[in-house]
Amino acid sequence: MKPKDLGYPHEIWTQRLLAKHIRENCIKEGHSDLSSINQGTISKILNASNIKPHKIRFYIAKVDPEFDKKSSQGISYI
């Protein structure tokens, strides 16, 4: 999930945000042993798994709801 899906204002996960989210939600999820997890532990877990949530290869967002209509009409955006 993206941080925005969980109500955070961030577009991507950072190690600090992941650690904060885990600490705040681990007890209600039944993982109280994670209540003291820190950014360093998150870093080790992500590195060992070759997961890089802070690296984005591409980003696609349709901002203009009229984009498809305009692009099919040959309108130039210069």
PDB file of N, CA and C in Angstrom:
ATOM      1  N   MET A   1       0.831  -1.194   0.000  1.00  0.00           N
ATOM      2  CA  MET A   1       0.000   0.000   0.000  1.00  0.00           C
ATOM      3  C   MET A   1       0.871   1.252   0.000  1.00  0.00           C
ATOM      4  N   LYS A   2       0.322   2.275  -0.543  1.00  0.00           N
ATOM      5  CA  LYS A   2       1.002   3.561  -0.504  1.00  0.00           C
ATOM      6  C   LYS A   2       0.654   4.262   0.809  1.00  0.00           C
ATOM      7  N   PRO A   3       1.539   5.138   1.287  1.00  0.00           N
ATOM      8  CA  PRO A   3       1.233   5.883   2.510  1.00  0.00           C
ATOM      9  C   PRO A   3      -0.073   6.679   2.398  1.00  0.00           C
ATOM     10  N   LYS A   4      -0.343   7.219   1.210  1.00  0.00           N
ATOM     11  CA  LYS A   4      -1.568   8.002   1.013  1.00  0.00           C
ATOM     12  C   LYS A   4      -2.811   7.153   1.239  1.00  0.00           C
ATOM     13  N   ASP A   5      -2.725   5.846   0.912  1.00  0.00           N
ATOM     14  CA  ASP A   5      -3.858   4.944   1.115  1.00  0.00           C
ATOM     15  C   ASP A   5      -4.187   4.774   2.596  1.00  0.00           C
ATOM     16  N   LEU A   6      -3.233   5.086   3.451  1.00  0.00           N
ATOM     17  CA  LEU A   6      -3.410   4.951   4.892  1.00  0.00           C
ATOM     18  C   LEU A   6      -3.587   6.302   5.587  1.00  0.00           C
ATOM     19  N   GLY A   7      -3.769   7.353   4.794  1.00  0.00           N
ATOM     20  CA  GLY A   7      -4.036   8.668   5.358  1.00  0.00           C
ATOM     21  C   GLY A   7      -2.826   9.558   5.569  1.00  0.00           C
ATOM     22  N   TYR A   8      -1.642   9.089   5.175  1.00  0.00           N
ATOM     23  CA  TYR A   8      -0.444   9.925   5.303  1.00  0.00           C
ATOM     24  C   TYR A   8      -0.363  10.880   4.109  1.00  0.00           C
ATOM     25  N   PRO A   9       0.265  12.034   4.275  1.00  0.00           N
ATOM     26  CA  PRO A   9       0.386  12.973   3.157  1.00  0.00           C
ATOM     27  C   PRO A   9       1.532  12.623   2.203  1.00  0.00           C
ATOM     28  N   HIS A  10       2.244  11.544   2.466  1.00  0.00           N
ATOM     29  CA  HIS A  10       3.429  11.184   1.691  1.00  0.00           C
ATOM     30  C   HIS A  10       3.079  10.333   0.466  1.00  0.00           C
ATOM     31  N   GLU A  11       3.831  10.534  -0.600  1.00  0.00           N
ATOM     32  CA  GLU A  11       3.648   9.752  -1.820  1.00  0.00           C
ATOM     33  C   GLU A  11       4.334   8.391  -1.726  1.00  0.00           C
ATOM     34  N   ILE A  12       5.486   8.360  -1.052  1.00  0.00           N
ATOM     35  CA  ILE A  12       6.246   7.114  -0.954  1.00  0.00           C
ATOM     36  C   ILE A  12       6.616   6.845   0.501  1.00  0.00           C
ATOM     37  N   TRP A  13       6.929   5.581   0.788  1.00  0.00           N
ATOM     38  CA  TRP A  13       7.367   5.204   2.128  1.00  0.00           C
ATOM     39  C   TRP A  13       8.828   5.576   2.324  1.00  0.00           C
ATOM     40  N   THR A  14       9.131   6.109   3.465  1.00  0.00           N
ATOM     41  CA  THR A  14      10.522   6.297   3.882  1.00  0.00           C
ATOM     42  C   THR A  14      10.752   5.310   5.022  1.00  0.00           C
ATOM     43  N   GLN A  15      11.992   5.048   5.340  1.00  0.00           N
ATOM     44  CA  GLN A  15      12.281   4.137   6.441  1.00  0.00           C
ATOM     45  C   GLN A  15      11.759   4.710   7.759  1.00  0.00           C
ATOM     46  N   ARG A  16      11.884   5.990   7.929  1.00  0.00           N
ATOM     47  CA  ARG A  16      11.392   6.644   9.146  1.00  0.00           C
ATOM     48  C   ARG A  16       9.868   6.518   9.248  1.00  0.00           C
ATOM     49  N   LEU A  17       9.159   6.748   8.141  1.00  0.00           N
ATOM     50  CA  LEU A  17       7.708   6.644   8.141  1.00  0.00           C
ATOM     51  C   LEU A  17       7.252   5.200   8.363  1.00  0.00           C
ATOM     52  N   LEU A  18       7.952   4.239   7.762  1.00  0.00           N
ATOM     53  CA  LEU A  18       7.622   2.833   7.985  1.00  0.00           C
ATOM     54  C   LEU A  18       7.765   2.461   9.461  1.00  0.00           C
ATOM     55  N   ALA A  19       8.864   2.873  10.067  1.00  0.00           N
ATOM     56  CA  ALA A  19       9.095   2.564  11.478  1.00  0.00           C
ATOM     57  C   ALA A  19       8.005   3.192  12.351  1.00  0.00           C
ATOM     58  N   LYS A  20       7.667   4.444  12.071  1.00  0.00           N
ATOM     59  CA  LYS A  20       6.624   5.141  12.834  1.00  0.00           C
ATOM     60  C   LYS A  20       5.285   4.425  12.681  1.00  0.00           C
ATOM     61  N   HIS A  21       4.945   4.061  11.460  1.00  0.00           N
ATOM     62  CA  HIS A  21       3.672   3.384  11.197  1.00  0.00           C
ATOM     63  C   HIS A  21       3.609   2.034  11.915  1.00  0.00           C
ATOM     64  N   ILE A  22       4.691   1.295  11.876  1.00  0.00           N
ATOM     65  CA  ILE A  22       4.733  -0.010  12.549  1.00  0.00           C
ATOM     66  C   ILE A  22       4.575   0.165  14.055  1.00  0.00           C
ATOM     67  N   ARG A  23       5.327   1.097  14.635  1.00  0.00           N
ATOM     68  CA  ARG A  23       5.230   1.323  16.087  1.00  0.00           C
ATOM     69  C   ARG A  23       3.814   1.703  16.511  1.00  0.00           C
ATOM     70  N   GLU A  24       3.150   2.522  15.696  1.00  0.00           N
ATOM     71  CA  GLU A  24       1.817   2.997  16.052  1.00  0.00           C
ATOM     72  C   GLU A  24       0.723   1.953  15.833  1.00  0.00           C
ATOM     73  N   ASN A  25       0.973   0.950  15.007  1.00  0.00           N
ATOM     74  CA  ASN A  25      -0.072  -0.005  14.654  1.00  0.00           C
ATOM     75  C   ASN A  25       0.210  -1.446  15.039  1.00  0.00           C
ATOM     76  N   CYS A  26       1.394  -1.745  15.552  1.00  0.00           N
ATOM     77  CA  CYS A  26       1.771  -3.138  15.798  1.00  0.00           C
ATOM     78  C   CYS A  26       0.950  -3.806  16.896  1.00  0.00           C
ATOM     79  N   ILE A  27       0.603  -3.085  17.930  1.00  0.00           N
ATOM     80  CA  ILE A  27      -0.123  -3.701  19.050  1.00  0.00           C
ATOM     81  C   ILE A  27      -1.527  -4.129  18.620  1.00  0.00           C
ATOM     82  N   LYS A  28      -2.237  -3.253  17.908  1.00  0.00           N
ATOM     83  CA  LYS A  28      -3.597  -3.616  17.482  1.00  0.00           C
ATOM     84  C   LYS A  28      -3.579  -4.731  16.428  1.00  0.00           C
ATOM     85  N   GLU A  29      -2.435  -4.933  15.764  1.00  0.00           N
ATOM     86  CA  GLU A  29      -2.296  -6.015  14.785  1.00  0.00           C
ATOM     87  C   GLU A  29      -1.758  -7.293  15.425  1.00  0.00           C
ATOM     88  N   GLY A  30      -1.495  -7.242  16.740  1.00  0.00           N
ATOM     89  CA  GLY A  30      -1.051  -8.427  17.459  1.00  0.00           C
ATOM     90  C   GLY A  30       0.447  -8.686  17.414  1.00  0.00           C
ATOM     91  N   HIS A  31       1.233  -7.641  17.191  1.00  0.00           N
ATOM     92  CA  HIS A  31       2.691  -7.775  17.114  1.00  0.00           C
ATOM     93  C   HIS A  31       3.355  -6.792  18.073  1.00  0.00           C
ATOM     94  N   SER A  32       3.038  -6.903  19.333  1.00  0.00           N
ATOM     95  CA  SER A  32       3.541  -5.940  20.321  1.00  0.00           C
ATOM     96  C   SER A  32       5.064  -5.935  20.415  1.00  0.00           C
ATOM     97  N   ASP A  33       5.714  -7.016  19.998  1.00  0.00           N
ATOM     98  CA  ASP A  33       7.176  -7.066  20.036  1.00  0.00           C
ATOM     99  C   ASP A  33       7.815  -6.068  19.072  1.00  0.00           C
ATOM    100  N   LEU A  34       7.046  -5.513  18.156  1.00  0.00           N
ATOM    101  CA  LEU A  34       7.579  -4.534  17.200  1.00  0.00           C
ATOM    102  C   LEU A  34       7.420  -3.089  17.685  1.00  0.00           C
ATOM    103  N   SER A  35       6.949  -2.905  18.902  1.00  0.00           N
ATOM    104  CA  SER A  35       6.659  -1.557  19.393  1.00  0.00           C
ATOM    105  C   SER A  35       7.903  -0.683  19.569  1.00  0.00           C
ATOM    106  N   SER A  36       9.069  -1.286  19.529  1.00  0.00           N
ATOM    107  CA  SER A  36      10.295  -0.486  19.654  1.00  0.00           C
ATOM    108  C   SER A  36      11.156  -0.546  18.386  1.00  0.00           C
ATOM    109  N   ILE A  37      10.559  -0.941  17.273  1.00  0.00           N
ATOM    110  CA  ILE A  37      11.331  -1.022  16.016  1.00  0.00           C
ATOM    111  C   ILE A  37      11.812   0.376  15.631  1.00  0.00           C
ATOM    112  N   ASN A  38      13.008   0.424  15.070  1.00  0.00           N
ATOM    113  CA  ASN A  38      13.560   1.725  14.684  1.00  0.00           C
ATOM    114  C   ASN A  38      13.948   1.725  13.206  1.00  0.00           C
ATOM    115  N   GLN A  39      14.369   2.874  12.729  1.00  0.00           N
ATOM    116  CA  GLN A  39      14.709   3.065  11.328  1.00  0.00           C
ATOM    117  C   GLN A  39      15.851   2.144  10.894  1.00  0.00           C
ATOM    118  N   GLY A  40      16.817   1.911  11.761  1.00  0.00           N
ATOM    119  CA  GLY A  40      17.942   1.033  11.436  1.00  0.00           C
ATOM    120  C   GLY A  40      17.500  -0.397  11.172  1.00  0.00           C
ATOM    121  N   THR A  41      16.557  -0.887  11.969  1.00  0.00           N
ATOM    122  CA  THR A  41      16.033  -2.240  11.768  1.00  0.00           C
ATOM    123  C   THR A  41      15.257  -2.323  10.466  1.00  0.00           C
ATOM    124  N   ILE A  42      14.484  -1.305  10.187  1.00  0.00           N
ATOM    125  CA  ILE A  42      13.751  -1.254   8.912  1.00  0.00           C
ATOM    126  C   ILE A  42      14.740  -1.303   7.756  1.00  0.00           C
ATOM    127  N   SER A  43      15.810  -0.540   7.850  1.00  0.00           N
ATOM    128  CA  SER A  43      16.836  -0.510   6.809  1.00  0.00           C
ATOM    129  C   SER A  43      17.435  -1.895   6.586  1.00  0.00           C
ATOM    130  N   LYS A  44      17.763  -2.592   7.660  1.00  0.00           N
ATOM    131  CA  LYS A  44      18.342  -3.931   7.547  1.00  0.00           C
ATOM    132  C   LYS A  44      17.373  -4.913   6.897  1.00  0.00           C
ATOM    133  N   ILE A  45      16.112  -4.851   7.290  1.00  0.00           N
ATOM    134  CA  ILE A  45      15.097  -5.743   6.720  1.00  0.00           C
ATOM    135  C   ILE A  45      14.928  -5.478   5.228  1.00  0.00           C
ATOM    136  N   LEU A  46      14.807  -4.210   4.862  1.00  0.00           N
ATOM    137  CA  LEU A  46      14.612  -3.860   3.454  1.00  0.00           C
ATOM    138  C   LEU A  46      15.829  -4.221   2.612  1.00  0.00           C
ATOM    139  N   ASN A  47      17.016  -3.951   3.121  1.00  0.00           N
ATOM    140  CA  ASN A  47      18.239  -4.285   2.379  1.00  0.00           C
ATOM    141  C   ASN A  47      18.386  -5.787   2.189  1.00  0.00           C
ATOM    142  N   ALA A  48      18.086  -6.561   3.222  1.00  0.00           N
ATOM    143  CA  ALA A  48      18.191  -8.022   3.128  1.00  0.00           C
ATOM    144  C   ALA A  48      17.194  -8.580   2.123  1.00  0.00           C
ATOM    145  N   SER A  49      16.086  -7.898   1.950  1.00  0.00           N
ATOM    146  CA  SER A  49      15.047  -8.355   1.026  1.00  0.00           C
ATOM    147  C   SER A  49      15.131  -7.675  -0.337  1.00  0.00           C
ATOM    148  N   ASN A  50      16.103  -6.787  -0.498  1.00  0.00           N
ATOM    149  CA  ASN A  50      16.281  -6.014  -1.725  1.00  0.00           C
ATOM    150  C   ASN A  50      15.001  -5.248  -2.094  1.00  0.00           C
ATOM    151  N   ILE A  51      14.366  -4.685  -1.076  1.00  0.00           N
ATOM    152  CA  ILE A  51      13.163  -3.875  -1.267  1.00  0.00           C
ATOM    153  C   ILE A  51      13.554  -2.416  -1.093  1.00  0.00           C
ATOM    154  N   LYS A  52      13.177  -1.588  -2.062  1.00  0.00           N
ATOM    155  CA  LYS A  52      13.547  -0.175  -2.032  1.00  0.00           C
ATOM    156  C   LYS A  52      12.303   0.692  -2.257  1.00  0.00           C
ATOM    157  N   PRO A  53      11.506   0.868  -1.195  1.00  0.00           N
ATOM    158  CA  PRO A  53      10.276   1.643  -1.372  1.00  0.00           C
ATOM    159  C   PRO A  53      10.515   3.108  -1.698  1.00  0.00           C
ATOM    160  N   HIS A  54      11.714   3.602  -1.437  1.00  0.00           N
ATOM    161  CA  HIS A  54      12.030   5.004  -1.702  1.00  0.00           C
ATOM    162  C   HIS A  54      12.505   5.228  -3.131  1.00  0.00           C
ATOM    163  N   LYS A  55      12.697   4.150  -3.890  1.00  0.00           N
ATOM    164  CA  LYS A  55      13.131   4.263  -5.282  1.00  0.00           C
ATOM    165  C   LYS A  55      11.923   4.059  -6.193  1.00  0.00           C
ATOM    166  N   ILE A  56      11.667   5.028  -7.032  1.00  0.00           N
ATOM    167  CA  ILE A  56      10.555   4.920  -7.973  1.00  0.00           C
ATOM    168  C   ILE A  56      11.139   4.847  -9.378  1.00  0.00           C
ATOM    169  N   ARG A  57      10.769   3.816 -10.109  1.00  0.00           N
ATOM    170  CA  ARG A  57      11.256   3.689 -11.480  1.00  0.00           C
ATOM    171  C   ARG A  57      10.470   4.576 -12.429  1.00  0.00           C
ATOM    172  N   PHE A  58       9.182   4.689 -12.193  1.00  0.00           N
ATOM    173  CA  PHE A  58       8.362   5.563 -13.008  1.00  0.00           C
ATOM    174  C   PHE A  58       7.148   5.975 -12.195  1.00  0.00           C
ATOM    175  N   TYR A  59       6.511   7.024 -12.638  1.00  0.00           N
ATOM    176  CA  TYR A  59       5.340   7.529 -11.954  1.00  0.00           C
ATOM    177  C   TYR A  59       4.371   8.008 -13.013  1.00  0.00           C
ATOM    178  N   ILE A  60       3.180   7.479 -12.999  1.00  0.00           N
ATOM    179  CA  ILE A  60       2.174   7.870 -13.974  1.00  0.00           C
ATOM    180  C   ILE A  60       0.975   8.423 -13.223  1.00  0.00           C
ATOM    181  N   ALA A  61       0.584   9.597 -13.599  1.00  0.00           N
ATOM    182  CA  ALA A  61      -0.607  10.187 -12.995  1.00  0.00           C
ATOM    183  C   ALA A  61      -1.361  10.962 -14.056  1.00  0.00           C
ATOM    184  N   LYS A  62      -2.631  10.670 -14.183  1.00  0.00           N
ATOM    185  CA  LYS A  62      -3.473  11.409 -15.111  1.00  0.00           C
ATOM    186  C   LYS A  62      -4.023  12.600 -14.346  1.00  0.00           C
ATOM    187  N   VAL A  63      -3.509  13.781 -14.643  1.00  0.00           N
ATOM    188  CA  VAL A  63      -3.884  14.980 -13.905  1.00  0.00           C
ATOM    189  C   VAL A  63      -5.081  15.666 -14.550  1.00  0.00           C
ATOM    190  N   ASP A  64      -5.083  15.739 -15.849  1.00  0.00           N
ATOM    191  CA  ASP A  64      -6.138  16.432 -16.581  1.00  0.00           C
ATOM    192  C   ASP A  64      -7.216  15.431 -16.989  1.00  0.00           C
ATOM    193  N   PRO A  65      -8.437  15.555 -16.466  1.00  0.00           N
ATOM    194  CA  PRO A  65      -9.489  14.605 -16.820  1.00  0.00           C
ATOM    195  C   PRO A  65      -9.874  14.663 -18.298  1.00  0.00           C
ATOM    196  N   GLU A  66      -9.519  15.735 -18.977  1.00  0.00           N
ATOM    197  CA  GLU A  66      -9.809  15.882 -20.405  1.00  0.00           C
ATOM    198  C   GLU A  66      -8.639  15.456 -21.283  1.00  0.00           C
ATOM    199  N   PHE A  67      -7.589  14.864 -20.686  1.00  0.00           N
ATOM    200  CA  PHE A  67      -6.374  14.549 -21.433  1.00  0.00           C
ATOM    201  C   PHE A  67      -6.643  13.665 -22.646  1.00  0.00           C
ATOM    202  N   ASP A  68      -7.361  12.570 -22.464  1.00  0.00           N
ATOM    203  CA  ASP A  68      -7.620  11.655 -23.578  1.00  0.00           C
ATOM    204  C   ASP A  68      -8.340  12.361 -24.725  1.00  0.00           C
ATOM    205  N   LYS A  69      -9.339  13.148 -24.391  1.00  0.00           N
ATOM    206  CA  LYS A  69     -10.094  13.880 -25.408  1.00  0.00           C
ATOM    207  C   LYS A  69      -9.200  14.880 -26.142  1.00  0.00           C
ATOM    208  N   LYS A  70      -8.415  15.647 -25.383  1.00  0.00           N
ATOM    209  CA  LYS A  70      -7.538  16.649 -25.981  1.00  0.00           C
ATOM    210  C   LYS A  70      -6.451  16.012 -26.831  1.00  0.00           C
ATOM    211  N   SER A  71      -5.869  14.921 -26.352  1.00  0.00           N
ATOM    212  CA  SER A  71      -4.772  14.301 -27.102  1.00  0.00           C
ATOM    213  C   SER A  71      -5.269  13.676 -28.397  1.00  0.00           C
ATOM    214  N   SER A  72      -6.504  13.204 -28.425  1.00  0.00           N
ATOM    215  CA  SER A  72      -7.041  12.615 -29.658  1.00  0.00           C
ATOM    216  C   SER A  72      -7.408  13.706 -30.666  1.00  0.00           C
ATOM    217  N   GLN A  73      -7.536  14.958 -30.225  1.00  0.00           N
ATOM    218  CA  GLN A  73      -7.844  16.075 -31.109  1.00  0.00           C
ATOM    219  C   GLN A  73      -6.586  16.752 -31.635  1.00  0.00           C
ATOM    220  N   GLY A  74      -5.432  16.282 -31.197  1.00  0.00           N
ATOM    221  CA  GLY A  74      -4.175  16.829 -31.688  1.00  0.00           C
ATOM    222  C   GLY A  74      -3.803  18.176 -31.091  1.00  0.00           C
ATOM    223  N   ILE A  75      -4.281  18.484 -29.911  1.00  0.00           N
ATOM    224  CA  ILE A  75      -3.956  19.742 -29.256  1.00  0.00           C
ATOM    225  C   ILE A  75      -2.526  19.665 -28.715  1.00  0.00           C
ATOM    226  N   SER A  76      -1.757  20.686 -28.987  1.00  0.00           N
ATOM    227  CA  SER A  76      -0.359  20.719 -28.559  1.00  0.00           C
ATOM    228  C   SER A  76      -0.247  21.426 -27.200  1.00  0.00           C
ATOM    229  N   TYR A  77       0.606  20.887 -26.333  1.00  0.00           N
ATOM    230  CA  TYR A  77       0.844  21.476 -25.012  1.00  0.00           C
ATOM    231  C   TYR A  77       2.261  22.014 -24.938  1.00  0.00           C
ATOM    232  N   ILE A  78       2.512  23.123 -25.541  1.00  0.00           N
ATOM    233  CA  ILE A  78       3.849  23.723 -25.527  1.00  0.00           C
ATOM    234  C   ILE A  78       3.821  24.992 -24.733  1.00  0.00           C
TER     235      ILE A  78
END
